Amino acid sequence: MDRQKISLDEVFTPRGVAVIGVSNSRMAFAELVVLAMQRAEFPAIYPVNPKYDEIMGLTCYPSITDIPGPVDHVVVNIRAELALQLLDECTVKGVRSVHFFTAGFGESGVKENAELEQEMLKKARAAGFRIIGPNCTGLFVPGVRLANDFTVPLDAGPIAFLSQSGGHAQNLPSYSANRGLRYSKVVSYGNALDVNEIELIDYFAKDDETEIIAAYIEGVRDGVQFSAALEKAAAVKPVIIYKGGRTEAGMRAANGHTASMTSSIDVFDAVCRQRNAIRVDGIEEMIDVLVALKFCKNIPEGNRVALVGAGGGPSVLAGDEMEKEGLKMPPFSAALQDQLKQVLPVAGSILSNPLDTPNMASPEAITAGIGVLSGAPDIDIIVYHLGFHPISQWGIGFFKERTQVQRIVDAMKAGMGSSGKALVIALRVPQTLEGMEEYLTVQEVFAENGFPVFNSMGDLARAMRRVIEWSHVRNATV
């Protein structure tokens, strides 16, 4: 008779972690996990390999059953044919969850390997423990210092991410760190033998540590249950989904990657629309949407944009990008232009939208200009952009010091006052090492101060359109 299975709450709070197959003679996934947990200062790390007495300064044990302390979570990097014996040892030790980084199971297309997966699942259900994977990078839970990558930020945040791809599961927290995004839990679940996207979405919908749910999904095993879980989750929290395998080539890759049977893209997209999940087309776009949701305290109801701080050519580009995504850059009214003329120099200025003056990089002009725009009833979003105009070009030293950037940030806050409107930042990515140093400093300071930062006008416009559309549907159903 099967035992009652371990809850995901227990899976996400391990006291001790064993890493199977770790070695002193190489640097592969198992070794990187040990290094990541040491960096995170996880309290109880147990390398397991009968060939060694010590690995990376830690006592190494011949088997799981030789470990003296409790082992709740096991990371496995050994050959697939050794899996069943290992699971028997996990049963004896009383583990809660087993993560198989190991590949070569159902995704291989070999009948015997798929049958092996089913035998693994039988053992897990009989003993009550959970299987993460196989063929994945497993768990990242910063709140308990459980890490599987040493490039990720270790402070916890409000975003949960479930991913069939191990690479995406590690890259999303790492790539988005300088954008100010932090995570409650990240799960790479691979072949979804046991823990799958339906259970994870349902869990994160109820998780008090999670405010936003993000997902990379290649395929779902039960469309009806998935739709039901998505409906419940999207009713209480924003859900962003990147569906992998949207083309014939992508579907072939997904099937070989995680043995996922990808459904009709049209059907999948229809389910997302019906449940008001935000569908994106890549990890970079997912980051942009997460940034908009995380930092725009009030999602704008309208789509009217005021542009601040560019030049002629970049302003034309911005207008085209905004219009292409359904946002509008309306000309400023005569009354609004008169207000701007009272606080900004007229000579050499553009006061018609965009707003561009010779001193727009100075804190005084920023406060004055944004102060006027923040009170304009026909403007919903203010976009300030840097790196497009010679006066704000990267690499000339103007933004090298954090204190200088902070003065600009403080000027923006003063200009916005208590208006509650969205102020978003577009930073053009530089092409030089000197410029990149300044760019990263500026991006980090803006994010630390709660401003949403985007790497291009097009990225900004697309993300804002998606969250505005999502907000309209949500408000209409409340």
Protein backbone atom coordinates (compact mmCIF):
# COMPACT_ATOMS: atom_id res chain seq x y z
CA MET A 1 0.00 0.00 0.00
CA ASP A 2 1.34 3.43 -0.94
CA ARG A 3 2.21 5.80 1.89
CA GLN A 4 0.86 9.33 2.06
CA LYS A 5 3.11 11.43 -0.14
CA ILE A 6 5.29 14.19 1.20
CA SER A 7 3.86 17.70 0.72
CA LEU A 8 5.65 20.34 -1.32
CA ASP A 9 5.97 22.42 1.85
CA GLU A 10 8.22 19.65 3.19
CA VAL A 11 10.08 19.36 -0.10
CA PHE A 12 10.93 23.08 -0.04
CA THR A 13 12.27 23.03 3.55
CA PRO A 14 14.99 20.36 3.73
CA ARG A 15 17.21 20.08 6.78
CA GLY A 16 19.98 18.10 5.08
CA VAL A 17 20.94 17.55 1.44
CA ALA A 18 22.93 14.63 0.04
CA VAL A 19 24.65 14.98 -3.33
CA ILE A 20 25.18 11.62 -5.03
CA GLY A 21 27.97 11.14 -7.55
CA VAL A 22 30.06 14.14 -6.54
CA SER A 23 33.78 13.86 -7.31
CA ASN A 24 37.14 15.47 -6.60
CA SER A 25 38.38 14.80 -10.14
CA ARG A 26 35.96 16.89 -12.21
CA MET A 27 33.69 19.94 -12.17
CA ALA A 28 30.20 18.93 -13.33
CA PHE A 29 26.67 19.54 -12.03
CA ALA A 30 27.02 17.67 -8.72
CA GLU A 31 30.17 19.57 -7.85
CA LEU A 32 28.58 22.89 -8.80
CA VAL A 33 25.63 22.13 -6.51
CA VAL A 34 27.98 21.55 -3.59
CA LEU A 35 29.79 24.81 -4.33
CA ALA A 36 26.48 26.67 -4.66
CA MET A 37 25.22 25.38 -1.32
CA GLN A 38 28.53 26.21 0.35
CA ARG A 39 28.27 29.77 -1.02
CA ALA A 40 24.68 29.95 0.25
CA GLU A 41 25.81 28.57 3.63
CA PHE A 42 23.31 25.73 3.60
CA PRO A 43 23.82 24.09 7.01
CA ALA A 44 24.02 20.36 6.20
CA ILE A 45 25.65 19.26 2.91
CA TYR A 46 26.57 15.59 2.50
CA PRO A 47 28.65 14.49 -0.52
CA VAL A 48 28.20 10.79 -1.28
CA ASN A 49 30.80 8.74 -3.17
CA PRO A 50 32.49 5.56 -1.86
CA LYS A 51 35.76 6.56 -3.59
CA TYR A 52 36.43 9.56 -1.34
CA ASP A 53 36.70 10.42 2.34
CA GLU A 54 36.51 14.18 1.77
CA ILE A 55 35.24 16.43 -1.04
CA MET A 56 35.56 20.22 -1.11
CA GLY A 57 36.38 20.26 2.58
CA LEU A 58 33.32 18.19 3.51
CA THR A 59 33.16 14.66 4.86
CA CYS A 60 32.21 12.31 2.03
CA TYR A 61 30.07 9.24 2.80
CA PRO A 62 29.97 5.85 1.05
CA SER A 63 26.17 5.84 0.85
CA ILE A 64 23.12 7.77 1.99
CA THR A 65 22.50 5.34 4.82
CA ASP A 66 25.96 6.11 6.28
CA ILE A 67 25.10 9.78 6.82
CA PRO A 68 24.51 10.40 10.55
CA GLY A 69 22.12 13.36 10.31
CA PRO A 70 18.69 13.68 8.67
CA VAL A 71 18.70 13.77 4.86
CA ASP A 72 15.51 15.29 3.48
CA HIS A 73 16.60 16.04 -0.09
CA VAL A 74 18.87 14.08 -2.44
CA VAL A 75 20.54 15.39 -5.59
CA VAL A 76 21.43 12.55 -8.00
CA ASN A 77 24.10 12.64 -10.68
CA ILE A 78 24.77 8.94 -11.38
CA ARG A 79 23.94 6.57 -14.22
CA ALA A 80 20.25 5.88 -14.83
CA GLU A 81 20.66 2.11 -14.32
CA LEU A 82 21.68 2.71 -10.68
CA ALA A 83 18.50 4.67 -9.89
CA LEU A 84 16.38 1.87 -8.40
CA GLN A 85 19.07 0.76 -5.93
CA LEU A 86 19.55 4.36 -4.87
CA LEU A 87 15.82 4.79 -4.28
CA ASP A 88 15.83 1.76 -2.01
CA GLU A 89 18.50 3.48 0.10
CA CYS A 90 16.43 6.67 0.10
CA THR A 91 13.49 4.66 1.47
CA VAL A 92 15.65 3.30 4.31
CA LYS A 93 16.98 6.78 5.11
CA GLY A 94 13.51 8.34 5.11
CA VAL A 95 14.19 11.12 2.60
CA ARG A 96 11.45 13.54 1.52
CA SER A 97 12.50 14.23 -2.06
CA VAL A 98 14.92 12.99 -4.70
CA HIS A 99 16.06 15.22 -7.54
CA PHE A 100 17.46 13.42 -10.59
CA PHE A 101 19.78 15.59 -12.64
CA THR A 102 20.54 12.34 -14.45
CA ALA A 103 19.13 12.07 -17.98
CA GLY A 104 18.58 9.01 -20.16
CA PHE A 105 15.05 8.15 -19.05
CA GLY A 106 11.75 8.69 -20.89
CA GLU A 107 13.12 11.57 -22.97
CA SER A 108 15.56 9.18 -24.67
CA GLY A 109 12.78 7.48 -26.61
CA VAL A 110 14.02 4.05 -25.46
CA LYS A 111 11.21 1.80 -24.18
CA GLU A 112 13.29 0.27 -21.39
CA ASN A 113 14.27 3.71 -20.08
CA ALA A 114 10.66 4.86 -19.99
CA GLU A 115 9.77 1.67 -18.09
CA LEU A 116 12.59 2.42 -15.64
CA GLU A 117 10.94 5.77 -14.89
CA GLN A 118 7.71 4.00 -13.99
CA GLU A 119 9.55 1.64 -11.64
CA MET A 120 11.11 4.66 -9.98
CA LEU A 121 7.70 6.22 -9.52
CA LYS A 122 6.32 3.04 -7.95
CA LYS A 123 9.10 3.05 -5.37
CA ALA A 124 8.57 6.71 -4.58
CA ARG A 125 4.84 6.28 -4.08
CA ALA A 126 5.28 3.19 -1.94
CA ALA A 127 7.71 5.04 0.33
CA GLY A 128 5.95 8.43 0.21
CA PHE A 129 8.86 10.54 -1.02
CA ARG A 130 8.74 12.81 -4.08
CA ILE A 131 10.78 12.76 -7.30
CA ILE A 132 11.88 16.00 -8.97
CA GLY A 133 12.65 15.29 -12.63
CA PRO A 134 14.42 13.31 -13.87
CA ASN A 135 16.54 15.28 -16.32
CA CYS A 136 16.46 18.67 -14.59
CA THR A 137 18.40 21.02 -12.31
CA GLY A 138 16.00 20.77 -9.38
CA LEU A 139 15.37 23.26 -6.59
CA PHE A 140 16.45 26.80 -5.73
CA VAL A 141 14.86 28.06 -2.50
CA PRO A 142 16.75 31.12 -1.22
CA GLY A 143 14.66 31.36 1.96
CA VAL A 144 16.23 28.13 3.27
CA ARG A 145 19.59 28.67 1.48
CA LEU A 146 19.03 25.75 -0.90
CA ALA A 147 20.89 26.62 -4.11
CA ASN A 148 21.86 24.80 -7.30
CA ASP A 149 23.79 27.61 -9.02
CA PHE A 150 26.36 30.04 -7.64
CA THR A 151 25.39 32.96 -9.92
CA VAL A 152 21.90 33.50 -8.49
CA PRO A 153 20.91 36.15 -5.91
CA LEU A 154 20.43 34.59 -2.50
CA ASP A 155 17.97 37.08 -1.04
CA ALA A 156 14.39 35.90 -1.38
CA GLY A 157 11.63 37.69 -3.25
CA PRO A 158 8.01 37.35 -4.40
CA ILE A 159 8.39 35.46 -7.72
CA ALA A 160 8.00 31.68 -8.13
CA PHE A 161 9.28 30.07 -11.32
CA LEU A 162 8.51 26.54 -12.54
CA SER A 163 10.45 25.35 -15.55
CA GLN A 164 10.80 22.17 -17.55
CA SER A 165 14.16 23.51 -18.67
CA GLY A 166 17.06 23.40 -16.24
CA GLY A 167 18.91 26.09 -18.18
CA HIS A 168 15.99 28.51 -18.01
CA ALA A 169 15.52 27.73 -14.30
CA GLN A 170 19.08 28.79 -13.59
CA ASN A 171 19.29 31.63 -16.12
CA LEU A 172 16.13 33.51 -15.17
CA PRO A 173 17.18 34.36 -11.57
CA SER A 174 20.74 35.07 -12.70
CA TYR A 175 19.92 37.21 -15.75
CA SER A 176 17.26 39.22 -13.93
CA ALA A 177 19.21 39.93 -10.74
CA ASN A 178 20.43 43.38 -11.85
CA ARG A 179 16.86 44.21 -12.89
CA GLY A 180 15.86 43.87 -9.24
CA LEU A 181 13.94 40.58 -9.45
CA ARG A 182 14.09 38.08 -6.59
CA TYR A 183 12.51 34.66 -6.16
CA SER A 184 10.63 32.70 -3.52
CA LYS A 185 11.13 29.28 -5.14
CA VAL A 186 12.45 28.05 -8.47
CA VAL A 187 11.76 24.48 -9.62
CA SER A 188 13.20 22.77 -12.67
CA TYR A 189 11.03 19.66 -13.06
CA GLY A 190 12.25 18.14 -16.33
CA ASN A 191 10.36 15.00 -17.38
CA ALA A 192 7.68 15.62 -14.72
CA LEU A 193 7.60 11.99 -13.63
CA ASP A 194 6.08 12.91 -10.27
CA VAL A 195 6.04 16.64 -9.43
CA ASN A 196 4.58 18.41 -12.46
CA GLU A 197 3.37 21.78 -13.69
CA ILE A 198 -0.20 21.25 -12.45
CA GLU A 199 0.81 20.55 -8.86
CA LEU A 200 3.34 23.39 -8.87
CA ILE A 201 0.93 25.99 -10.24
CA ASP A 202 -1.66 24.93 -7.68
CA TYR A 203 0.92 25.13 -4.89
CA PHE A 204 2.27 28.55 -5.85
CA ALA A 205 -1.26 29.95 -6.09
CA LYS A 206 -1.61 29.24 -2.35
CA ASP A 207 1.97 29.97 -1.29
CA ASP A 208 2.17 33.00 1.01
CA GLU A 209 5.75 33.71 -0.10
CA THR A 210 4.76 33.99 -3.77
CA GLU A 211 3.03 37.00 -5.34
CA ILE A 212 3.79 36.35 -9.02
CA ILE A 213 3.97 32.99 -10.83
CA ALA A 214 6.17 32.45 -13.89
CA ALA A 215 6.37 29.25 -15.92
CA TYR A 216 8.32 27.74 -18.79
CA ILE A 217 6.31 24.80 -20.14
CA GLU A 218 7.09 22.53 -23.06
CA GLY A 219 4.04 20.29 -22.74
CA VAL A 220 1.30 19.28 -20.31
CA ARG A 221 0.13 15.74 -19.58
CA ASP A 222 -3.46 16.59 -18.65
CA GLY A 223 -4.95 19.59 -20.40
CA VAL A 224 -8.18 19.65 -18.36
CA GLN A 225 -6.39 19.65 -15.01
CA PHE A 226 -3.84 22.17 -16.25
CA SER A 227 -6.59 24.55 -17.37
CA ALA A 228 -8.34 24.21 -14.00
CA ALA A 229 -5.14 24.88 -12.04
CA LEU A 230 -4.33 27.85 -14.24
CA GLU A 231 -7.80 29.29 -13.76
CA LYS A 232 -7.52 29.12 -9.97
CA ALA A 233 -4.00 30.56 -9.92
CA ALA A 234 -4.66 33.41 -12.36
CA ALA A 235 -7.71 34.44 -10.34
CA VAL A 236 -5.50 35.32 -7.37
CA LYS A 237 -2.04 36.09 -8.79
CA PRO A 238 -0.52 37.16 -12.12
CA VAL A 239 0.73 34.14 -14.09
CA ILE A 240 3.27 34.54 -16.91
CA ILE A 241 3.84 31.59 -19.25
CA TYR A 242 6.52 30.99 -21.86
CA LYS A 243 5.41 28.03 -23.98
CA GLY A 244 8.34 26.20 -25.52
CA GLY A 245 7.94 24.27 -28.77
CA ARG A 246 5.84 26.67 -30.85
CA THR A 247 7.27 25.53 -34.19
CA GLU A 248 7.78 22.11 -35.74
CA ALA A 249 11.49 22.25 -34.96
CA GLY A 250 10.76 23.46 -31.43
CA MET A 251 8.26 20.67 -30.84
CA ARG A 252 10.79 18.05 -31.95
CA ALA A 253 13.35 19.55 -29.59
CA ALA A 254 10.86 19.61 -26.70
CA ASN A 255 10.00 15.95 -27.20
CA GLY A 256 13.66 15.01 -27.17
CA HIS A 257 14.40 17.36 -24.28
CA THR A 258 11.83 16.33 -21.68
CA ALA A 259 9.63 13.77 -23.48
CA SER A 260 6.89 16.43 -23.61
CA MET A 261 3.96 15.89 -25.91
CA THR A 262 3.30 19.45 -27.00
CA SER A 263 -0.32 20.28 -27.69
CA SER A 264 -1.75 22.55 -30.36
CA ILE A 265 -0.30 26.01 -29.97
CA ASP A 266 -3.66 27.55 -30.82
CA VAL A 267 -5.34 25.54 -28.06
CA PHE A 268 -2.64 26.40 -25.54
CA ASP A 269 -2.84 30.11 -26.36
CA ALA A 270 -6.63 29.98 -26.11
CA VAL A 271 -6.42 28.48 -22.63
CA CYS A 272 -4.01 31.23 -21.57
CA ARG A 273 -6.38 33.92 -22.90
CA GLN A 274 -9.42 32.35 -21.23
CA ARG A 275 -7.64 32.13 -17.87
CA ASN A 276 -5.98 35.56 -18.23
CA ALA A 277 -2.45 34.22 -18.05
CA ILE A 278 0.16 36.44 -19.70
CA ARG A 279 1.82 34.53 -22.53
CA VAL A 280 5.32 35.65 -23.55
CA ASP A 281 7.66 34.53 -26.33
CA GLY A 282 10.98 34.18 -24.52
CA ILE A 283 12.89 34.42 -21.25
CA GLU A 284 13.94 38.02 -21.96
CA GLU A 285 10.32 39.03 -22.49
CA MET A 286 9.35 37.13 -19.34
CA ILE A 287 11.87 39.22 -17.40
CA ASP A 288 10.42 42.42 -18.89
CA VAL A 289 6.88 41.47 -17.86
CA LEU A 290 8.03 40.45 -14.39
CA VAL A 291 9.79 43.80 -14.03
CA ALA A 292 6.61 45.65 -15.03
CA LEU A 293 4.47 43.66 -12.59
CA LYS A 294 6.97 43.88 -9.74
CA PHE A 295 7.77 47.59 -9.92
CA CYS A 296 4.72 49.32 -11.40
CA LYS A 297 2.83 49.84 -8.18
CA ASN A 298 -0.20 50.97 -10.13
CA ILE A 299 -0.68 49.34 -13.52
CA PRO A 300 -1.91 52.18 -15.75
CA GLU A 301 -5.47 51.97 -17.03
CA GLY A 302 -4.66 53.89 -20.19
CA ASN A 303 -1.96 53.61 -22.86
CA ARG A 304 -0.94 57.24 -23.34
CA VAL A 305 2.83 57.71 -23.04
CA ALA A 306 4.92 60.82 -22.42
CA LEU A 307 8.56 60.46 -23.46
CA VAL A 308 11.30 62.31 -21.59
CA GLY A 309 14.98 62.82 -22.34
CA ALA A 310 15.95 61.74 -25.84
CA GLY A 311 16.71 63.41 -29.16
CA GLY A 312 15.13 63.66 -32.57
CA GLY A 313 16.01 60.26 -34.06
CA PRO A 314 15.52 58.25 -30.86
CA SER A 315 12.17 59.98 -30.34
CA VAL A 316 10.99 58.91 -33.76
CA LEU A 317 12.09 55.37 -32.95
CA ALA A 318 10.25 55.50 -29.62
CA GLY A 319 7.06 56.73 -31.26
CA ASP A 320 7.17 53.91 -33.81
CA GLU A 321 7.83 51.26 -31.16
CA MET A 322 5.02 52.55 -28.93
CA GLU A 323 2.47 52.67 -31.73
CA LYS A 324 3.49 49.20 -32.96
CA GLU A 325 2.60 47.75 -29.56
CA GLY A 326 -0.66 49.65 -29.26
CA LEU A 327 0.59 52.42 -26.98
CA LYS A 328 0.07 56.07 -27.92
CA MET A 329 2.35 59.11 -27.77
CA PRO A 330 -0.20 61.92 -28.02
CA PRO A 331 1.01 65.49 -28.65
CA PHE A 332 1.01 67.59 -25.52
CA SER A 333 -1.92 70.00 -25.28
CA ALA A 334 -1.29 73.71 -25.55
CA ALA A 335 -2.03 74.08 -21.84
CA LEU A 336 0.49 71.37 -20.94
CA GLN A 337 3.13 72.96 -23.17
CA ASP A 338 2.56 76.31 -21.45
CA GLN A 339 3.14 74.65 -18.08
CA LEU A 340 6.39 73.13 -19.33
CA LYS A 341 7.58 76.48 -20.72
CA GLN A 342 7.20 78.01 -17.27
CA VAL A 343 9.70 75.57 -15.67
CA LEU A 344 12.04 74.58 -18.54
CA PRO A 345 14.12 76.51 -21.09
CA VAL A 346 12.36 77.06 -24.40
CA ALA A 347 15.41 77.56 -26.63
CA GLY A 348 16.63 74.27 -28.10
CA SER A 349 13.78 72.31 -26.51
CA ILE A 350 11.11 69.94 -27.78
CA LEU A 351 7.98 70.37 -25.65
CA SER A 352 5.40 68.53 -27.73
CA ASN A 353 6.03 64.85 -26.78
CA PRO A 354 8.75 63.89 -26.48
CA LEU A 355 9.95 66.30 -23.86
CA ASP A 356 13.60 67.06 -24.61
CA THR A 357 15.51 70.08 -23.33
CA PRO A 358 19.24 70.89 -23.25
CA ASN A 359 19.33 70.39 -19.48
CA MET A 360 17.07 67.32 -19.21
CA ALA A 361 19.91 65.28 -17.69
CA SER A 362 20.08 67.64 -14.69
CA PRO A 363 18.14 66.80 -11.50
CA GLU A 364 16.45 70.22 -11.45
CA ALA A 365 15.03 69.87 -14.97
CA ILE A 366 14.02 66.26 -14.32
CA THR A 367 11.99 67.22 -11.25
CA ALA A 368 10.38 70.19 -13.04
CA GLY A 369 9.50 68.35 -16.25
CA ILE A 370 8.28 65.15 -14.66
CA GLY A 371 6.40 67.17 -12.06
CA VAL A 372 4.31 68.77 -14.81
CA LEU A 373 3.76 65.50 -16.72
CA SER A 374 2.80 63.55 -13.60
CA GLY A 375 -0.15 65.89 -13.10
CA ALA A 376 -1.36 65.80 -16.71
CA PRO A 377 -4.77 64.09 -16.97
CA ASP A 378 -4.15 62.89 -20.54
CA ILE A 379 -0.88 61.05 -19.73
CA ASP A 380 -0.87 57.53 -18.22
CA ILE A 381 2.79 56.47 -18.46
CA ILE A 382 6.00 58.51 -18.28
CA VAL A 383 9.04 57.00 -20.01
CA TYR A 384 12.47 58.39 -19.19
CA HIS A 385 15.27 57.09 -21.37
CA LEU A 386 19.05 57.25 -21.17
CA GLY A 387 21.84 56.27 -23.51
CA PHE A 388 20.11 57.44 -26.69
CA HIS A 389 21.26 61.07 -26.77
CA PRO A 390 24.84 62.41 -26.68
CA ILE A 391 24.18 64.18 -23.39
CA SER A 392 23.29 60.84 -21.80
CA GLN A 393 25.74 58.65 -23.70
CA TRP A 394 27.41 55.80 -21.83
CA GLY A 395 31.14 55.80 -21.22
CA ILE A 396 31.78 59.53 -20.80
CA GLY A 397 31.85 59.24 -17.02
CA PHE A 398 28.68 61.15 -16.20
CA PHE A 399 26.94 58.11 -14.67
CA LYS A 400 29.98 56.35 -13.25
CA GLU A 401 29.26 57.23 -9.64
CA ARG A 402 26.22 55.80 -7.87
CA THR A 403 25.74 59.10 -6.04
CA GLN A 404 25.18 60.91 -9.35
CA VAL A 405 22.62 58.32 -10.45
CA GLN A 406 20.92 58.55 -7.06
CA ARG A 407 20.50 62.31 -7.52
CA ILE A 408 18.64 61.64 -10.76
CA VAL A 409 16.50 58.99 -9.04
CA ASP A 410 15.68 61.36 -6.20
CA ALA A 411 14.76 64.06 -8.71
CA MET A 412 12.38 61.67 -10.45
CA LYS A 413 10.75 60.72 -7.15
CA ALA A 414 10.32 64.39 -6.29
CA GLY A 415 8.74 65.04 -9.68
CA MET A 416 6.34 62.12 -9.39
CA GLY A 417 5.26 63.09 -5.91
CA SER A 418 2.08 61.26 -4.97
CA SER A 419 0.65 61.09 -8.49
CA GLY A 420 0.59 57.29 -8.57
CA LYS A 421 1.36 57.19 -12.28
CA ALA A 422 3.80 54.74 -13.83
CA LEU A 423 7.33 56.03 -14.44
CA VAL A 424 9.37 53.50 -16.41
CA ILE A 425 12.97 53.65 -17.58
CA ALA A 426 14.44 52.70 -20.97
CA LEU A 427 18.20 52.20 -21.04
CA ARG A 428 19.92 51.64 -24.35
CA VAL A 429 22.50 48.84 -24.04
CA PRO A 430 26.04 50.18 -24.69
CA GLN A 431 28.61 48.67 -27.04
CA THR A 432 31.78 49.36 -25.04
CA LEU A 433 33.24 48.02 -21.80
CA GLU A 434 33.43 51.54 -20.32
CA GLY A 435 29.82 52.15 -21.24
CA MET A 436 28.68 48.83 -19.83
CA GLU A 437 30.14 49.67 -16.44
CA GLU A 438 28.06 52.85 -16.26
CA TYR A 439 25.00 51.14 -17.71
CA LEU A 440 25.02 48.38 -15.09
CA THR A 441 25.46 50.93 -12.31
CA VAL A 442 22.49 52.95 -13.55
CA GLN A 443 20.31 49.86 -14.03
CA GLU A 444 21.08 48.61 -10.53
CA VAL A 445 20.41 51.94 -8.81
CA PHE A 446 17.09 52.40 -10.59
CA ALA A 447 16.02 48.85 -9.67
CA GLU A 448 17.06 49.31 -6.04
CA ASN A 449 14.80 52.39 -5.93
CA GLY A 450 11.82 50.52 -7.32
CA PHE A 451 11.79 51.75 -10.91
CA PRO A 452 11.07 49.29 -13.74
CA VAL A 453 14.03 49.25 -16.14
CA PHE A 454 13.95 47.98 -19.76
CA ASN A 455 16.74 47.51 -22.28
CA SER A 456 15.00 49.01 -25.31
CA MET A 457 11.94 50.99 -26.30
CA GLY A 458 10.45 47.96 -28.00
CA ASP A 459 10.91 45.76 -24.92
CA LEU A 460 9.34 48.42 -22.72
CA ALA A 461 6.34 48.93 -25.00
CA ARG A 462 5.68 45.20 -25.38
CA ALA A 463 5.84 44.51 -21.65
CA MET A 464 3.63 47.46 -20.74
CA ARG A 465 1.06 46.46 -23.35
CA ARG A 466 0.92 42.93 -21.95
CA VAL A 467 0.43 44.01 -18.33
CA ILE A 468 -2.14 46.69 -19.26
CA GLU A 469 -4.17 44.13 -21.21
CA TRP A 470 -3.86 41.66 -18.32
CA SER A 471 -4.98 44.31 -15.83
CA HIS A 472 -8.03 45.27 -17.91
CA VAL A 473 -9.26 41.67 -17.98
CA ARG A 474 -8.56 41.17 -14.28
CA ASN A 475 -10.40 44.34 -13.28
CA ALA A 476 -13.35 43.45 -15.52
CA THR A 477 -13.80 40.11 -13.75
CA VAL A 478 -13.34 41.32 -10.16
